[in-house]
Amino acid sequence: MGKLDRLDLILQLAPQLIVPAAVIQEVSAGASDTATRKTVDWAARFVMPDLVVPASVQSWDLGAGESQFLAHCLSTTHIAILDDGAARAAAKAHRVQHIGSLGIILRAKVNGLIPAARPLVQQLVASGSYLSASLVTAALHKVGEVY
């Protein structure tokens, strides 16, 4: 959501945010553009110490950030925000509730936080997120929009 400059939507949809320290470190290492640096600065206020990553999560060979998100969600009832396919598969295998950027956009539309989902979905795709045309069409249809 940082690429879209809509981190405000996460705050409006989530009662509490947790960002593991490893996520900040991982994203900061590649923070060469303004949007990424802004996202890191925004997320820094929600930082929580890293946890011991369970062996069942380690076996997925995910990045440190994704592993920490899963470790935190396994120890709480939080929902992980994950766009990475492997991390989403690991979350599903561990029965961790998760949502991606597309889901956040759809929830924002349903909750009346944005007037239309399509512009943000198009921006998401243009920023490099892979979403199949059929997924986009189905998602927008669910919120009463046509692609």
Protein backbone atom coordinates (compact mmCIF):
# COMPACT_ATOMS: atom_id res chain seq x y z
CA MET A 1 0.00 0.00 0.00
CA GLY A 2 3.06 2.18 0.33
CA LYS A 3 3.59 2.13 -3.43
CA LEU A 4 0.09 3.54 -3.77
CA ASP A 5 0.63 6.15 -1.04
CA ARG A 6 -2.45 4.74 0.75
CA LEU A 7 -1.07 3.46 4.04
CA ASP A 8 -3.92 5.38 5.62
CA LEU A 9 -6.27 2.62 4.49
CA ILE A 10 -4.44 0.06 6.61
CA LEU A 11 -4.76 2.29 9.67
CA GLN A 12 -8.47 2.77 9.06
CA LEU A 13 -9.11 -0.96 8.61
CA ALA A 14 -6.91 -2.44 11.34
CA PRO A 15 -7.54 -1.89 15.04
CA GLN A 16 -3.86 -2.55 15.83
CA LEU A 17 -0.71 -2.86 13.73
CA ILE A 18 2.45 -4.83 14.40
CA VAL A 19 5.53 -4.59 12.23
CA PRO A 20 8.33 -6.99 13.18
CA ALA A 21 11.78 -5.40 13.40
CA ALA A 22 13.05 -7.76 10.68
CA VAL A 23 10.55 -6.25 8.24
CA ILE A 24 11.91 -2.76 8.84
CA GLN A 25 15.49 -4.03 8.42
CA GLU A 26 14.64 -5.99 5.25
CA VAL A 27 12.74 -3.17 3.57
CA SER A 28 15.23 -0.50 4.69
CA ALA A 29 18.06 -2.39 3.01
CA GLY A 30 16.44 -1.79 -0.38
CA ALA A 31 14.92 1.62 0.37
CA SER A 32 16.21 3.52 -2.63
CA ASP A 33 13.00 5.21 -3.73
CA THR A 34 10.91 7.81 -1.96
CA ALA A 35 7.82 5.61 -1.59
CA THR A 36 9.79 2.84 0.13
CA ARG A 37 11.54 5.27 2.49
CA LYS A 38 8.18 6.84 3.34
CA THR A 39 6.71 3.41 4.05
CA VAL A 40 9.61 2.48 6.34
CA ASP A 41 9.25 5.76 8.25
CA TRP A 42 5.50 5.20 8.60
CA ALA A 43 5.89 1.57 9.74
CA ALA A 44 8.63 2.34 12.27
CA ARG A 45 6.08 3.49 14.86
CA PHE A 46 4.53 0.00 14.92
CA VAL A 47 7.76 -1.98 15.37
CA MET A 48 7.76 -4.99 17.65
CA PRO A 49 10.80 -7.08 18.61
CA ASP A 50 11.43 -10.16 16.53
CA LEU A 51 10.34 -13.53 17.87
CA VAL A 52 11.88 -16.96 17.62
CA VAL A 53 10.65 -18.33 14.30
CA PRO A 54 9.09 -21.79 14.69
CA ALA A 55 10.77 -24.61 12.75
CA SER A 56 7.57 -25.14 10.76
CA VAL A 57 7.90 -21.58 9.41
CA GLN A 58 11.68 -21.84 8.93
CA SER A 59 11.15 -24.85 6.69
CA TRP A 60 9.42 -22.58 4.13
CA ASP A 61 12.70 -20.71 3.56
CA LEU A 62 10.99 -17.32 3.43
CA GLY A 63 12.66 -13.98 3.92
CA ALA A 64 13.25 -12.76 7.46
CA GLY A 65 10.35 -10.30 7.27
CA GLU A 66 7.77 -12.81 6.08
CA SER A 67 8.99 -15.37 8.63
CA GLN A 68 8.62 -12.83 11.43
CA PHE A 69 5.13 -11.82 10.28
CA LEU A 70 4.08 -15.46 10.47
CA ALA A 71 5.78 -15.97 13.85
CA HIS A 72 3.91 -12.98 15.27
CA CYS A 73 0.59 -14.08 13.80
CA LEU A 74 1.01 -17.60 15.14
CA SER A 75 1.36 -16.20 18.64
CA THR A 76 -1.62 -13.81 18.34
CA THR A 77 -4.85 -13.45 16.43
CA HIS A 78 -3.48 -10.80 14.07
CA ILE A 79 -4.03 -10.97 10.34
CA ALA A 80 -0.85 -10.90 8.23
CA ILE A 81 -0.62 -8.51 5.31
CA LEU A 82 1.24 -10.51 2.68
CA ASP A 83 1.54 -10.14 -1.08
CA ASP A 84 4.37 -12.64 -1.60
CA GLY A 85 3.00 -15.91 -3.01
CA ALA A 86 5.23 -18.23 -0.98
CA ALA A 87 4.50 -16.32 2.23
CA ARG A 88 0.76 -16.54 1.52
CA ALA A 89 1.08 -20.30 0.95
CA ALA A 90 2.97 -20.66 4.25
CA ALA A 91 0.32 -18.60 6.03
CA LYS A 92 -2.41 -20.81 4.60
CA ALA A 93 -0.54 -23.97 5.65
CA HIS A 94 -0.25 -22.56 9.19
CA ARG A 95 -3.89 -21.44 9.21
CA VAL A 96 -2.82 -17.82 9.65
CA GLN A 97 -5.38 -15.34 8.42
CA HIS A 98 -3.88 -13.12 5.76
CA ILE A 99 -4.80 -10.42 3.31
CA GLY A 100 -2.94 -8.75 0.48
CA SER A 101 -2.98 -5.30 -1.04
CA LEU A 102 -5.88 -6.24 -3.30
CA GLY A 103 -7.91 -7.37 -0.30
CA ILE A 104 -7.18 -4.13 1.53
CA ILE A 105 -8.39 -2.13 -1.46
CA LEU A 106 -11.58 -4.20 -1.67
CA ARG A 107 -12.27 -3.83 2.06
CA ALA A 108 -11.65 -0.09 1.80
CA LYS A 109 -14.26 0.12 -0.97
CA VAL A 110 -16.80 -1.99 0.96
CA ASN A 111 -16.27 0.16 4.06
CA GLY A 112 -16.74 3.39 2.12
CA LEU A 113 -13.17 4.57 2.61
CA ILE A 114 -12.63 5.00 -1.13
CA PRO A 115 -15.19 5.81 -3.83
CA ALA A 116 -13.87 3.22 -6.29
CA ALA A 117 -11.47 0.28 -6.14
CA ARG A 118 -10.54 0.15 -9.81
CA PRO A 119 -8.11 3.13 -9.86
CA LEU A 120 -6.11 1.72 -6.95
CA VAL A 121 -6.13 -1.79 -8.42
CA GLN A 122 -4.86 -0.39 -11.73
CA GLN A 123 -2.18 1.53 -9.84
CA LEU A 124 -1.23 -1.65 -7.97
CA VAL A 125 -0.76 -3.54 -11.24
CA ALA A 126 1.13 -0.63 -12.81
CA SER A 127 3.50 -0.58 -9.79
CA GLY A 128 4.59 -4.15 -10.53
CA SER A 129 2.22 -6.33 -8.53
CA TYR A 130 1.18 -9.37 -10.50
CA LEU A 131 -2.56 -9.88 -10.50
CA SER A 132 -4.11 -11.96 -13.24
CA ALA A 133 -6.79 -10.31 -15.34
CA SER A 134 -9.33 -12.89 -14.17
CA LEU A 135 -8.52 -12.19 -10.50
CA VAL A 136 -8.86 -8.44 -11.02
CA THR A 137 -12.15 -8.87 -12.87
CA ALA A 138 -13.57 -11.17 -10.17
CA ALA A 139 -12.36 -8.92 -7.34
CA LEU A 140 -13.84 -5.78 -8.83
CA HIS A 141 -17.07 -7.60 -9.59
CA LYS A 142 -17.36 -8.50 -5.88
CA VAL A 143 -17.45 -4.79 -5.00
CA GLY A 144 -19.84 -3.90 -7.82
CA GLU A 145 -17.28 -2.58 -10.30
CA VAL A 146 -16.57 -3.69 -13.82
CA TYR A 147 -13.01 -3.90 -15.16
